């Protein structure tokens, strides 16, 4: 996730199974 200026805000990793298609 980046600001519109291009600064990195956060990196999220998703490694759960295929039944859960979301990340919080």
PDBML (XML) file of the C-alpha atoms, coordinates in Angstrom:
<?xml version="1.0" encoding="UTF-8" ?>
<PDBx:datablock datablockName="MODEL"
   xmlns:PDBx="http://pdbml.pdb.org/schema/pdbx-v50.xsd"
   xmlns:xsi="http://www.w3.org/2001/XMLSchema-instance"
   xsi:schemaLocation="http://pdbml.pdb.org/schema/pdbx-v50.xsd pdbx-v50.xsd">
   <PDBx:atom_siteCategory>
      <PDBx:atom_site id="1">
         <PDBx:B_iso_or_equiv>0.00</PDBx:B_iso_or_equiv>
         <PDBx:Cartn_x>0.000</PDBx:Cartn_x>
         <PDBx:Cartn_y>0.000</PDBx:Cartn_y>
         <PDBx:Cartn_z>0.000</PDBx:Cartn_z>
         <PDBx:auth_asym_id>A</PDBx:auth_asym_id>
         <PDBx:auth_atom_id>CA</PDBx:auth_atom_id>
         <PDBx:auth_comp_id>UNK</PDBx:auth_comp_id>
         <PDBx:auth_seq_id>1</PDBx:auth_seq_id>
         <PDBx:group_PDB>ATOM</PDBx:group_PDB>
         <PDBx:label_alt_id xsi:nil="true" />
         <PDBx:label_asym_id>A</PDBx:label_asym_id>
         <PDBx:label_atom_id>CA</PDBx:label_atom_id>
         <PDBx:label_comp_id>UNK</PDBx:label_comp_id>
         <PDBx:label_entity_id>1</PDBx:label_entity_id>
         <PDBx:label_seq_id>1</PDBx:label_seq_id>
         <PDBx:occupancy>1.00</PDBx:occupancy>
         <PDBx:pdbx_PDB_model_num>1</PDBx:pdbx_PDB_model_num>
         <PDBx:type_symbol>C</PDBx:type_symbol>
      </PDBx:atom_site>
      <PDBx:atom_site id="2">
         <PDBx:B_iso_or_equiv>0.00</PDBx:B_iso_or_equiv>
         <PDBx:Cartn_x>1.401</PDBx:Cartn_x>
         <PDBx:Cartn_y>3.368</PDBx:Cartn_y>
         <PDBx:Cartn_z>-1.105</PDBx:Cartn_z>
         <PDBx:auth_asym_id>A</PDBx:auth_asym_id>
         <PDBx:auth_atom_id>CA</PDBx:auth_atom_id>
         <PDBx:auth_comp_id>UNK</PDBx:auth_comp_id>
         <PDBx:auth_seq_id>2</PDBx:auth_seq_id>
         <PDBx:group_PDB>ATOM</PDBx:group_PDB>
         <PDBx:label_alt_id xsi:nil="true" />
         <PDBx:label_asym_id>A</PDBx:label_asym_id>
         <PDBx:label_atom_id>CA</PDBx:label_atom_id>
         <PDBx:label_comp_id>UNK</PDBx:label_comp_id>
         <PDBx:label_entity_id>1</PDBx:label_entity_id>
         <PDBx:label_seq_id>2</PDBx:label_seq_id>
         <PDBx:occupancy>1.00</PDBx:occupancy>
         <PDBx:pdbx_PDB_model_num>1</PDBx:pdbx_PDB_model_num>
         <PDBx:type_symbol>C</PDBx:type_symbol>
      </PDBx:atom_site>
      <PDBx:atom_site id="3">
         <PDBx:B_iso_or_equiv>0.00</PDBx:B_iso_or_equiv>
         <PDBx:Cartn_x>0.449</PDBx:Cartn_x>
         <PDBx:Cartn_y>7.011</PDBx:Cartn_y>
         <PDBx:Cartn_z>-0.740</PDBx:Cartn_z>
         <PDBx:auth_asym_id>A</PDBx:auth_asym_id>
         <PDBx:auth_atom_id>CA</PDBx:auth_atom_id>
         <PDBx:auth_comp_id>UNK</PDBx:auth_comp_id>
         <PDBx:auth_seq_id>3</PDBx:auth_seq_id>
         <PDBx:group_PDB>ATOM</PDBx:group_PDB>
         <PDBx:label_alt_id xsi:nil="true" />
         <PDBx:label_asym_id>A</PDBx:label_asym_id>
         <PDBx:label_atom_id>CA</PDBx:label_atom_id>
         <PDBx:label_comp_id>UNK</PDBx:label_comp_id>
         <PDBx:label_entity_id>1</PDBx:label_entity_id>
         <PDBx:label_seq_id>3</PDBx:label_seq_id>
         <PDBx:occupancy>1.00</PDBx:occupancy>
         <PDBx:pdbx_PDB_model_num>1</PDBx:pdbx_PDB_model_num>
         <PDBx:type_symbol>C</PDBx:type_symbol>
      </PDBx:atom_site>
      <PDBx:atom_site id="4">
         <PDBx:B_iso_or_equiv>0.00</PDBx:B_iso_or_equiv>
         <PDBx:Cartn_x>-0.363</PDBx:Cartn_x>
         <PDBx:Cartn_y>8.826</PDBx:Cartn_y>
         <PDBx:Cartn_z>-3.977</PDBx:Cartn_z>
         <PDBx:auth_asym_id>A</PDBx:auth_asym_id>
         <PDBx:auth_atom_id>CA</PDBx:auth_atom_id>
         <PDBx:auth_comp_id>UNK</PDBx:auth_comp_id>
         <PDBx:auth_seq_id>4</PDBx:auth_seq_id>
         <PDBx:group_PDB>ATOM</PDBx:group_PDB>
         <PDBx:label_alt_id xsi:nil="true" />
         <PDBx:label_asym_id>A</PDBx:label_asym_id>
         <PDBx:label_atom_id>CA</PDBx:label_atom_id>
         <PDBx:label_comp_id>UNK</PDBx:label_comp_id>
         <PDBx:label_entity_id>1</PDBx:label_entity_id>
         <PDBx:label_seq_id>4</PDBx:label_seq_id>
         <PDBx:occupancy>1.00</PDBx:occupancy>
         <PDBx:pdbx_PDB_model_num>1</PDBx:pdbx_PDB_model_num>
         <PDBx:type_symbol>C</PDBx:type_symbol>
      </PDBx:atom_site>
      <PDBx:atom_site id="5">
         <PDBx:B_iso_or_equiv>0.00</PDBx:B_iso_or_equiv>
         <PDBx:Cartn_x>3.120</PDBx:Cartn_x>
         <PDBx:Cartn_y>10.380</PDBx:Cartn_y>
         <PDBx:Cartn_z>-3.705</PDBx:Cartn_z>
         <PDBx:auth_asym_id>A</PDBx:auth_asym_id>
         <PDBx:auth_atom_id>CA</PDBx:auth_atom_id>
         <PDBx:auth_comp_id>UNK</PDBx:auth_comp_id>
         <PDBx:auth_seq_id>5</PDBx:auth_seq_id>
         <PDBx:group_PDB>ATOM</PDBx:group_PDB>
         <PDBx:label_alt_id xsi:nil="true" />
         <PDBx:label_asym_id>A</PDBx:label_asym_id>
         <PDBx:label_atom_id>CA</PDBx:label_atom_id>
         <PDBx:label_comp_id>UNK</PDBx:label_comp_id>
         <PDBx:label_entity_id>1</PDBx:label_entity_id>
         <PDBx:label_seq_id>5</PDBx:label_seq_id>
         <PDBx:occupancy>1.00</PDBx:occupancy>
         <PDBx:pdbx_PDB_model_num>1</PDBx:pdbx_PDB_model_num>
         <PDBx:type_symbol>C</PDBx:type_symbol>
      </PDBx:atom_site>
      <PDBx:atom_site id="6">
         <PDBx:B_iso_or_equiv>0.00</PDBx:B_iso_or_equiv>
         <PDBx:Cartn_x>4.636</PDBx:Cartn_x>
         <PDBx:Cartn_y>6.860</PDBx:Cartn_y>
         <PDBx:Cartn_z>-3.873</PDBx:Cartn_z>
         <PDBx:auth_asym_id>A</PDBx:auth_asym_id>
         <PDBx:auth_atom_id>CA</PDBx:auth_atom_id>
         <PDBx:auth_comp_id>UNK</PDBx:auth_comp_id>
         <PDBx:auth_seq_id>6</PDBx:auth_seq_id>
         <PDBx:group_PDB>ATOM</PDBx:group_PDB>
         <PDBx:label_alt_id xsi:nil="true" />
         <PDBx:label_asym_id>A</PDBx:label_asym_id>
         <PDBx:label_atom_id>CA</PDBx:label_atom_id>
         <PDBx:label_comp_id>UNK</PDBx:label_comp_id>
         <PDBx:label_entity_id>1</PDBx:label_entity_id>
         <PDBx:label_seq_id>6</PDBx:label_seq_id>
         <PDBx:occupancy>1.00</PDBx:occupancy>
         <PDBx:pdbx_PDB_model_num>1</PDBx:pdbx_PDB_model_num>
         <PDBx:type_symbol>C</PDBx:type_symbol>
      </PDBx:atom_site>
      <PDBx:atom_site id="7">
         <PDBx:B_iso_or_equiv>0.00</PDBx:B_iso_or_equiv>
         <PDBx:Cartn_x>5.726</PDBx:Cartn_x>
         <PDBx:Cartn_y>6.330</PDBx:Cartn_y>
         <PDBx:Cartn_z>-0.264</PDBx:Cartn_z>
         <PDBx:auth_asym_id>A</PDBx:auth_asym_id>
         <PDBx:auth_atom_id>CA</PDBx:auth_atom_id>
         <PDBx:auth_comp_id>UNK</PDBx:auth_comp_id>
         <PDBx:auth_seq_id>7</PDBx:auth_seq_id>
         <PDBx:group_PDB>ATOM</PDBx:group_PDB>
         <PDBx:label_alt_id xsi:nil="true" />
         <PDBx:label_asym_id>A</PDBx:label_asym_id>
         <PDBx:label_atom_id>CA</PDBx:label_atom_id>
         <PDBx:label_comp_id>UNK</PDBx:label_comp_id>
         <PDBx:label_entity_id>1</PDBx:label_entity_id>
         <PDBx:label_seq_id>7</PDBx:label_seq_id>
         <PDBx:occupancy>1.00</PDBx:occupancy>
         <PDBx:pdbx_PDB_model_num>1</PDBx:pdbx_PDB_model_num>
         <PDBx:type_symbol>C</PDBx:type_symbol>
      </PDBx:atom_site>
      <PDBx:atom_site id="8">
         <PDBx:B_iso_or_equiv>0.00</PDBx:B_iso_or_equiv>
         <PDBx:Cartn_x>5.288</PDBx:Cartn_x>
         <PDBx:Cartn_y>2.779</PDBx:Cartn_y>
         <PDBx:Cartn_z>1.024</PDBx:Cartn_z>
         <PDBx:auth_asym_id>A</PDBx:auth_asym_id>
         <PDBx:auth_atom_id>CA</PDBx:auth_atom_id>
         <PDBx:auth_comp_id>UNK</PDBx:auth_comp_id>
         <PDBx:auth_seq_id>8</PDBx:auth_seq_id>
         <PDBx:group_PDB>ATOM</PDBx:group_PDB>
         <PDBx:label_alt_id xsi:nil="true" />
         <PDBx:label_asym_id>A</PDBx:label_asym_id>
         <PDBx:label_atom_id>CA</PDBx:label_atom_id>
         <PDBx:label_comp_id>UNK</PDBx:label_comp_id>
         <PDBx:label_entity_id>1</PDBx:label_entity_id>
         <PDBx:label_seq_id>8</PDBx:label_seq_id>
         <PDBx:occupancy>1.00</PDBx:occupancy>
         <PDBx:pdbx_PDB_model_num>1</PDBx:pdbx_PDB_model_num>
         <PDBx:type_symbol>C</PDBx:type_symbol>
      </PDBx:atom_site>
      <PDBx:atom_site id="9">
         <PDBx:B_iso_or_equiv>0.00</PDBx:B_iso_or_equiv>
         <PDBx:Cartn_x>2.733</PDBx:Cartn_x>
         <PDBx:Cartn_y>2.714</PDBx:Cartn_y>
         <PDBx:Cartn_z>3.833</PDBx:Cartn_z>
         <PDBx:auth_asym_id>A</PDBx:auth_asym_id>
         <PDBx:auth_atom_id>CA</PDBx:auth_atom_id>
         <PDBx:auth_comp_id>UNK</PDBx:auth_comp_id>
         <PDBx:auth_seq_id>9</PDBx:auth_seq_id>
         <PDBx:group_PDB>ATOM</PDBx:group_PDB>
         <PDBx:label_alt_id xsi:nil="true" />
         <PDBx:label_asym_id>A</PDBx:label_asym_id>
         <PDBx:label_atom_id>CA</PDBx:label_atom_id>
         <PDBx:label_comp_id>UNK</PDBx:label_comp_id>
         <PDBx:label_entity_id>1</PDBx:label_entity_id>
         <PDBx:label_seq_id>9</PDBx:label_seq_id>
         <PDBx:occupancy>1.00</PDBx:occupancy>
         <PDBx:pdbx_PDB_model_num>1</PDBx:pdbx_PDB_model_num>
         <PDBx:type_symbol>C</PDBx:type_symbol>
      </PDBx:atom_site>
      <PDBx:atom_site id="10">
         <PDBx:B_iso_or_equiv>0.00</PDBx:B_iso_or_equiv>
         <PDBx:Cartn_x>2.392</PDBx:Cartn_x>
         <PDBx:Cartn_y>-1.003</PDBx:Cartn_y>
         <PDBx:Cartn_z>4.588</PDBx:Cartn_z>
         <PDBx:auth_asym_id>A</PDBx:auth_asym_id>
         <PDBx:auth_atom_id>CA</PDBx:auth_atom_id>
         <PDBx:auth_comp_id>UNK</PDBx:auth_comp_id>
         <PDBx:auth_seq_id>10</PDBx:auth_seq_id>
         <PDBx:group_PDB>ATOM</PDBx:group_PDB>
         <PDBx:label_alt_id xsi:nil="true" />
         <PDBx:label_asym_id>A</PDBx:label_asym_id>
         <PDBx:label_atom_id>CA</PDBx:label_atom_id>
         <PDBx:label_comp_id>UNK</PDBx:label_comp_id>
         <PDBx:label_entity_id>1</PDBx:label_entity_id>
         <PDBx:label_seq_id>10</PDBx:label_seq_id>
         <PDBx:occupancy>1.00</PDBx:occupancy>
         <PDBx:pdbx_PDB_model_num>1</PDBx:pdbx_PDB_model_num>
         <PDBx:type_symbol>C</PDBx:type_symbol>
      </PDBx:atom_site>
      <PDBx:atom_site id="11">
         <PDBx:B_iso_or_equiv>0.00</PDBx:B_iso_or_equiv>
         <PDBx:Cartn_x>3.215</PDBx:Cartn_x>
         <PDBx:Cartn_y>-4.451</PDBx:Cartn_y>
         <PDBx:Cartn_z>3.211</PDBx:Cartn_z>
         <PDBx:auth_asym_id>A</PDBx:auth_asym_id>
         <PDBx:auth_atom_id>CA</PDBx:auth_atom_id>
         <PDBx:auth_comp_id>UNK</PDBx:auth_comp_id>
         <PDBx:auth_seq_id>11</PDBx:auth_seq_id>
         <PDBx:group_PDB>ATOM</PDBx:group_PDB>
         <PDBx:label_alt_id xsi:nil="true" />
         <PDBx:label_asym_id>A</PDBx:label_asym_id>
         <PDBx:label_atom_id>CA</PDBx:label_atom_id>
         <PDBx:label_comp_id>UNK</PDBx:label_comp_id>
         <PDBx:label_entity_id>1</PDBx:label_entity_id>
         <PDBx:label_seq_id>11</PDBx:label_seq_id>
         <PDBx:occupancy>1.00</PDBx:occupancy>
         <PDBx:pdbx_PDB_model_num>1</PDBx:pdbx_PDB_model_num>
         <PDBx:type_symbol>C</PDBx:type_symbol>
      </PDBx:atom_site>
      <PDBx:atom_site id="12">
         <PDBx:B_iso_or_equiv>0.00</PDBx:B_iso_or_equiv>
         <PDBx:Cartn_x>0.719</PDBx:Cartn_x>
         <PDBx:Cartn_y>-7.232</PDBx:Cartn_y>
         <PDBx:Cartn_z>3.910</PDBx:Cartn_z>
         <PDBx:auth_asym_id>A</PDBx:auth_asym_id>
         <PDBx:auth_atom_id>CA</PDBx:auth_atom_id>
         <PDBx:auth_comp_id>UNK</PDBx:auth_comp_id>
         <PDBx:auth_seq_id>12</PDBx:auth_seq_id>
         <PDBx:group_PDB>ATOM</PDBx:group_PDB>
         <PDBx:label_alt_id xsi:nil="true" />
         <PDBx:label_asym_id>A</PDBx:label_asym_id>
         <PDBx:label_atom_id>CA</PDBx:label_atom_id>
         <PDBx:label_comp_id>UNK</PDBx:label_comp_id>
         <PDBx:label_entity_id>1</PDBx:label_entity_id>
         <PDBx:label_seq_id>12</PDBx:label_seq_id>
         <PDBx:occupancy>1.00</PDBx:occupancy>
         <PDBx:pdbx_PDB_model_num>1</PDBx:pdbx_PDB_model_num>
         <PDBx:type_symbol>C</PDBx:type_symbol>
      </PDBx:atom_site>
      <PDBx:atom_site id="13">
         <PDBx:B_iso_or_equiv>0.00</PDBx:B_iso_or_equiv>
         <PDBx:Cartn_x>1.294</PDBx:Cartn_x>
         <PDBx:Cartn_y>-10.944</PDBx:Cartn_y>
         <PDBx:Cartn_z>3.286</PDBx:Cartn_z>
         <PDBx:auth_asym_id>A</PDBx:auth_asym_id>
         <PDBx:auth_atom_id>CA</PDBx:auth_atom_id>
         <PDBx:auth_comp_id>UNK</PDBx:auth_comp_id>
         <PDBx:auth_seq_id>13</PDBx:auth_seq_id>
         <PDBx:group_PDB>ATOM</PDBx:group_PDB>
         <PDBx:label_alt_id xsi:nil="true" />
         <PDBx:label_asym_id>A</PDBx:label_asym_id>
         <PDBx:label_atom_id>CA</PDBx:label_atom_id>
         <PDBx:label_comp_id>UNK</PDBx:label_comp_id>
         <PDBx:label_entity_id>1</PDBx:label_entity_id>
         <PDBx:label_seq_id>13</PDBx:label_seq_id>
         <PDBx:occupancy>1.00</PDBx:occupancy>
         <PDBx:pdbx_PDB_model_num>1</PDBx:pdbx_PDB_model_num>
         <PDBx:type_symbol>C</PDBx:type_symbol>
      </PDBx:atom_site>
      <PDBx:atom_site id="14">
         <PDBx:B_iso_or_equiv>0.00</PDBx:B_iso_or_equiv>
         <PDBx:Cartn_x>-1.555</PDBx:Cartn_x>
         <PDBx:Cartn_y>-13.381</PDBx:Cartn_y>
         <PDBx:Cartn_z>2.634</PDBx:Cartn_z>
         <PDBx:auth_asym_id>A</PDBx:auth_asym_id>
         <PDBx:auth_atom_id>CA</PDBx:auth_atom_id>
         <PDBx:auth_comp_id>UNK</PDBx:auth_comp_id>
         <PDBx:auth_seq_id>14</PDBx:auth_seq_id>
         <PDBx:group_PDB>ATOM</PDBx:group_PDB>
         <PDBx:label_alt_id xsi:nil="true" />
         <PDBx:label_asym_id>A</PDBx:label_asym_id>
         <PDBx:label_atom_id>CA</PDBx:label_atom_id>
         <PDBx:label_comp_id>UNK</PDBx:label_comp_id>
         <PDBx:label_entity_id>1</PDBx:label_entity_id>
         <PDBx:label_seq_id>14</PDBx:label_seq_id>
         <PDBx:occupancy>1.00</PDBx:occupancy>
         <PDBx:pdbx_PDB_model_num>1</PDBx:pdbx_PDB_model_num>
         <PDBx:type_symbol>C</PDBx:type_symbol>
      </PDBx:atom_site>
      <PDBx:atom_site id="15">
         <PDBx:B_iso_or_equiv>0.00</PDBx:B_iso_or_equiv>
         <PDBx:Cartn_x>-0.758</PDBx:Cartn_x>
         <PDBx:Cartn_y>-17.066</PDBx:Cartn_y>
         <PDBx:Cartn_z>3.058</PDBx:Cartn_z>
         <PDBx:auth_asym_id>A</PDBx:auth_asym_id>
         <PDBx:auth_atom_id>CA</PDBx:auth_atom_id>
         <PDBx:auth_comp_id>UNK</PDBx:auth_comp_id>
         <PDBx:auth_seq_id>15</PDBx:auth_seq_id>
         <PDBx:group_PDB>ATOM</PDBx:group_PDB>
         <PDBx:label_alt_id xsi:nil="true" />
         <PDBx:label_asym_id>A</PDBx:label_asym_id>
         <PDBx:label_atom_id>CA</PDBx:label_atom_id>
         <PDBx:label_comp_id>UNK</PDBx:label_comp_id>
         <PDBx:label_entity_id>1</PDBx:label_entity_id>
         <PDBx:label_seq_id>15</PDBx:label_seq_id>
         <PDBx:occupancy>1.00</PDBx:occupancy>
         <PDBx:pdbx_PDB_model_num>1</PDBx:pdbx_PDB_model_num>
         <PDBx:type_symbol>C</PDBx:type_symbol>
      </PDBx:atom_site>
      <PDBx:atom_site id="16">
         <PDBx:B_iso_or_equiv>0.00</PDBx:B_iso_or_equiv>
         <PDBx:Cartn_x>-4.125</PDBx:Cartn_x>
         <PDBx:Cartn_y>-18.519</PDBx:Cartn_y>
         <PDBx:Cartn_z>4.060</PDBx:Cartn_z>
         <PDBx:auth_asym_id>A</PDBx:auth_asym_id>
         <PDBx:auth_atom_id>CA</PDBx:auth_atom_id>
         <PDBx:auth_comp_id>UNK</PDBx:auth_comp_id>
         <PDBx:auth_seq_id>16</PDBx:auth_seq_id>
         <PDBx:group_PDB>ATOM</PDBx:group_PDB>
         <PDBx:label_alt_id xsi:nil="true" />
         <PDBx:label_asym_id>A</PDBx:label_asym_id>
         <PDBx:label_atom_id>CA</PDBx:label_atom_id>
         <PDBx:label_comp_id>UNK</PDBx:label_comp_id>
         <PDBx:label_entity_id>1</PDBx:label_entity_id>
         <PDBx:label_seq_id>16</PDBx:label_seq_id>
         <PDBx:occupancy>1.00</PDBx:occupancy>
         <PDBx:pdbx_PDB_model_num>1</PDBx:pdbx_PDB_model_num>
         <PDBx:type_symbol>C</PDBx:type_symbol>
      </PDBx:atom_site>
      <PDBx:atom_site id="17">
         <PDBx:B_iso_or_equiv>0.00</PDBx:B_iso_or_equiv>
         <PDBx:Cartn_x>-6.043</PDBx:Cartn_x>
         <PDBx:Cartn_y>-21.137</PDBx:Cartn_y>
         <PDBx:Cartn_z>2.121</PDBx:Cartn_z>
         <PDBx:auth_asym_id>A</PDBx:auth_asym_id>
         <PDBx:auth_atom_id>CA</PDBx:auth_atom_id>
         <PDBx:auth_comp_id>UNK</PDBx:auth_comp_id>
         <PDBx:auth_seq_id>17</PDBx:auth_seq_id>
         <PDBx:group_PDB>ATOM</PDBx:group_PDB>
         <PDBx:label_alt_id xsi:nil="true" />
         <PDBx:label_asym_id>A</PDBx:label_asym_id>
         <PDBx:label_atom_id>CA</PDBx:label_atom_id>
         <PDBx:label_comp_id>UNK</PDBx:label_comp_id>
         <PDBx:label_entity_id>1</PDBx:label_entity_id>
         <PDBx:label_seq_id>17</PDBx:label_seq_id>
         <PDBx:occupancy>1.00</PDBx:occupancy>
         <PDBx:pdbx_PDB_model_num>1</PDBx:pdbx_PDB_model_num>
         <PDBx:type_symbol>C</PDBx:type_symbol>
      </PDBx:atom_site>
      <PDBx:atom_site id="18">
         <PDBx:B_iso_or_equiv>0.00</PDBx:B_iso_or_equiv>
         <PDBx:Cartn_x>-8.106</PDBx:Cartn_x>
         <PDBx:Cartn_y>-20.624</PDBx:Cartn_y>
         <PDBx:Cartn_z>-1.001</PDBx:Cartn_z>
         <PDBx:auth_asym_id>A</PDBx:auth_asym_id>
         <PDBx:auth_atom_id>CA</PDBx:auth_atom_id>
         <PDBx:auth_comp_id>UNK</PDBx:auth_comp_id>
         <PDBx:auth_seq_id>18</PDBx:auth_seq_id>
         <PDBx:group_PDB>ATOM</PDBx:group_PDB>
         <PDBx:label_alt_id xsi:nil="true" />
         <PDBx:label_asym_id>A</PDBx:label_asym_id>
         <PDBx:label_atom_id>CA</PDBx:label_atom_id>
         <PDBx:label_comp_id>UNK</PDBx:label_comp_id>
         <PDBx:label_entity_id>1</PDBx:label_entity_id>
         <PDBx:label_seq_id>18</PDBx:label_seq_id>
         <PDBx:occupancy>1.00</PDBx:occupancy>
         <PDBx:pdbx_PDB_model_num>1</PDBx:pdbx_PDB_model_num>
         <PDBx:type_symbol>C</PDBx:type_symbol>
      </PDBx:atom_site>
      <PDBx:atom_site id="19">
         <PDBx:B_iso_or_equiv>0.00</PDBx:B_iso_or_equiv>
         <PDBx:Cartn_x>-11.391</PDBx:Cartn_x>
         <PDBx:Cartn_y>-20.502</PDBx:Cartn_y>
         <PDBx:Cartn_z>0.948</PDBx:Cartn_z>
         <PDBx:auth_asym_id>A</PDBx:auth_asym_id>
         <PDBx:auth_atom_id>CA</PDBx:auth_atom_id>
         <PDBx:auth_comp_id>UNK</PDBx:auth_comp_id>
         <PDBx:auth_seq_id>19</PDBx:auth_seq_id>
         <PDBx:group_PDB>ATOM</PDBx:group_PDB>
         <PDBx:label_alt_id xsi:nil="true" />
         <PDBx:label_asym_id>A</PDBx:label_asym_id>
         <PDBx:label_atom_id>CA</PDBx:label_atom_id>
         <PDBx:label_comp_id>UNK</PDBx:label_comp_id>
         <PDBx:label_entity_id>1</PDBx:label_entity_id>
         <PDBx:label_seq_id>19</PDBx:label_seq_id>
         <PDBx:occupancy>1.00</PDBx:occupancy>
         <PDBx:pdbx_PDB_model_num>1</PDBx:pdbx_PDB_model_num>
         <PDBx:type_symbol>C</PDBx:type_symbol>
      </PDBx:atom_site>
      <PDBx:atom_site id="20">
         <PDBx:B_iso_or_equiv>0.00</PDBx:B_iso_or_equiv>
         <PDBx:Cartn_x>-10.468</PDBx:Cartn_x>
         <PDBx:Cartn_y>-17.169</PDBx:Cartn_y>
         <PDBx:Cartn_z>2.565</PDBx:Cartn_z>
         <PDBx:auth_asym_id>A</PDBx:auth_asym_id>
         <PDBx:auth_atom_id>CA</PDBx:auth_atom_id>
         <PDBx:auth_comp_id>UNK</PDBx:auth_comp_id>
         <PDBx:auth_seq_id>20</PDBx:auth_seq_id>
         <PDBx:group_PDB>ATOM</PDBx:group_PDB>
         <PDBx:label_alt_id xsi:nil="true" />
         <PDBx:label_asym_id>A</PDBx:label_asym_id>
         <PDBx:label_atom_id>CA</PDBx:label_atom_id>
         <PDBx:label_comp_id>UNK</PDBx:label_comp_id>
         <PDBx:label_entity_id>1</PDBx:label_entity_id>
         <PDBx:label_seq_id>20</PDBx:label_seq_id>
         <PDBx:occupancy>1.00</PDBx:occupancy>
         <PDBx:pdbx_PDB_model_num>1</PDBx:pdbx_PDB_model_num>
         <PDBx:type_symbol>C</PDBx:type_symbol>
      </PDBx:atom_site>
      <PDBx:atom_site id="21">
         <PDBx:B_iso_or_equiv>0.00</PDBx:B_iso_or_equiv>
         <PDBx:Cartn_x>-9.980</PDBx:Cartn_x>
         <PDBx:Cartn_y>-14.547</PDBx:Cartn_y>
         <PDBx:Cartn_z>-0.142</PDBx:Cartn_z>
         <PDBx:auth_asym_id>A</PDBx:auth_asym_id>
         <PDBx:auth_atom_id>CA</PDBx:auth_atom_id>
         <PDBx:auth_comp_id>UNK</PDBx:auth_comp_id>
         <PDBx:auth_seq_id>21</PDBx:auth_seq_id>
         <PDBx:group_PDB>ATOM</PDBx:group_PDB>
         <PDBx:label_alt_id xsi:nil="true" />
         <PDBx:label_asym_id>A</PDBx:label_asym_id>
         <PDBx:label_atom_id>CA</PDBx:label_atom_id>
         <PDBx:label_comp_id>UNK</PDBx:label_comp_id>
         <PDBx:label_entity_id>1</PDBx:label_entity_id>
         <PDBx:label_seq_id>21</PDBx:label_seq_id>
         <PDBx:occupancy>1.00</PDBx:occupancy>
         <PDBx:pdbx_PDB_model_num>1</PDBx:pdbx_PDB_model_num>
         <PDBx:type_symbol>C</PDBx:type_symbol>
      </PDBx:atom_site>
      <PDBx:atom_site id="22">
         <PDBx:B_iso_or_equiv>0.00</PDBx:B_iso_or_equiv>
         <PDBx:Cartn_x>-9.580</PDBx:Cartn_x>
         <PDBx:Cartn_y>-11.528</PDBx:Cartn_y>
         <PDBx:Cartn_z>2.121</PDBx:Cartn_z>
         <PDBx:auth_asym_id>A</PDBx:auth_asym_id>
         <PDBx:auth_atom_id>CA</PDBx:auth_atom_id>
         <PDBx:auth_comp_id>UNK</PDBx:auth_comp_id>
         <PDBx:auth_seq_id>22</PDBx:auth_seq_id>
         <PDBx:group_PDB>ATOM</PDBx:group_PDB>
         <PDBx:label_alt_id xsi:nil="true" />
         <PDBx:label_asym_id>A</PDBx:label_asym_id>
         <PDBx:label_atom_id>CA</PDBx:label_atom_id>
         <PDBx:label_comp_id>UNK</PDBx:label_comp_id>
         <PDBx:label_entity_id>1</PDBx:label_entity_id>
         <PDBx:label_seq_id>22</PDBx:label_seq_id>
         <PDBx:occupancy>1.00</PDBx:occupancy>
         <PDBx:pdbx_PDB_model_num>1</PDBx:pdbx_PDB_model_num>
         <PDBx:type_symbol>C</PDBx:type_symbol>
      </PDBx:atom_site>
      <PDBx:atom_site id="23">
         <PDBx:B_iso_or_equiv>0.00</PDBx:B_iso_or_equiv>
         <PDBx:Cartn_x>-6.963</PDBx:Cartn_x>
         <PDBx:Cartn_y>-9.767</PDBx:Cartn_y>
         <PDBx:Cartn_z>4.217</PDBx:Cartn_z>
         <PDBx:auth_asym_id>A</PDBx:auth_asym_id>
         <PDBx:auth_atom_id>CA</PDBx:auth_atom_id>
         <PDBx:auth_comp_id>UNK</PDBx:auth_comp_id>
         <PDBx:auth_seq_id>23</PDBx:auth_seq_id>
         <PDBx:group_PDB>ATOM</PDBx:group_PDB>
         <PDBx:label_alt_id xsi:nil="true" />
         <PDBx:label_asym_id>A</PDBx:label_asym_id>
         <PDBx:label_atom_id>CA</PDBx:label_atom_id>
         <PDBx:label_comp_id>UNK</PDBx:label_comp_id>
         <PDBx:label_entity_id>1</PDBx:label_entity_id>
         <PDBx:label_seq_id>23</PDBx:label_seq_id>
         <PDBx:occupancy>1.00</PDBx:occupancy>
         <PDBx:pdbx_PDB_model_num>1</PDBx:pdbx_PDB_model_num>
         <PDBx:type_symbol>C</PDBx:type_symbol>
      </PDBx:atom_site>
      <PDBx:atom_site id="24">
         <PDBx:B_iso_or_equiv>0.00</PDBx:B_iso_or_equiv>
         <PDBx:Cartn_x>-7.515</PDBx:Cartn_x>
         <PDBx:Cartn_y>-7.459</PDBx:Cartn_y>
         <PDBx:Cartn_z>7.173</PDBx:Cartn_z>
         <PDBx:auth_asym_id>A</PDBx:auth_asym_id>
         <PDBx:auth_atom_id>CA</PDBx:auth_atom_id>
         <PDBx:auth_comp_id>UNK</PDBx:auth_comp_id>
         <PDBx:auth_seq_id>24</PDBx:auth_seq_id>
         <PDBx:group_PDB>ATOM</PDBx:group_PDB>
         <PDBx:label_alt_id xsi:nil="true" />
         <PDBx:label_asym_id>A</PDBx:label_asym_id>
         <PDBx:label_atom_id>CA</PDBx:label_atom_id>
         <PDBx:label_comp_id>UNK</PDBx:label_comp_id>
         <PDBx:label_entity_id>1</PDBx:label_entity_id>
         <PDBx:label_seq_id>24</PDBx:label_seq_id>
         <PDBx:occupancy>1.00</PDBx:occupancy>
         <PDBx:pdbx_PDB_model_num>1</PDBx:pdbx_PDB_model_num>
         <PDBx:type_symbol>C</PDBx:type_symbol>
      </PDBx:atom_site>
   </PDBx:atom_siteCategory>
</PDBx:datablock>
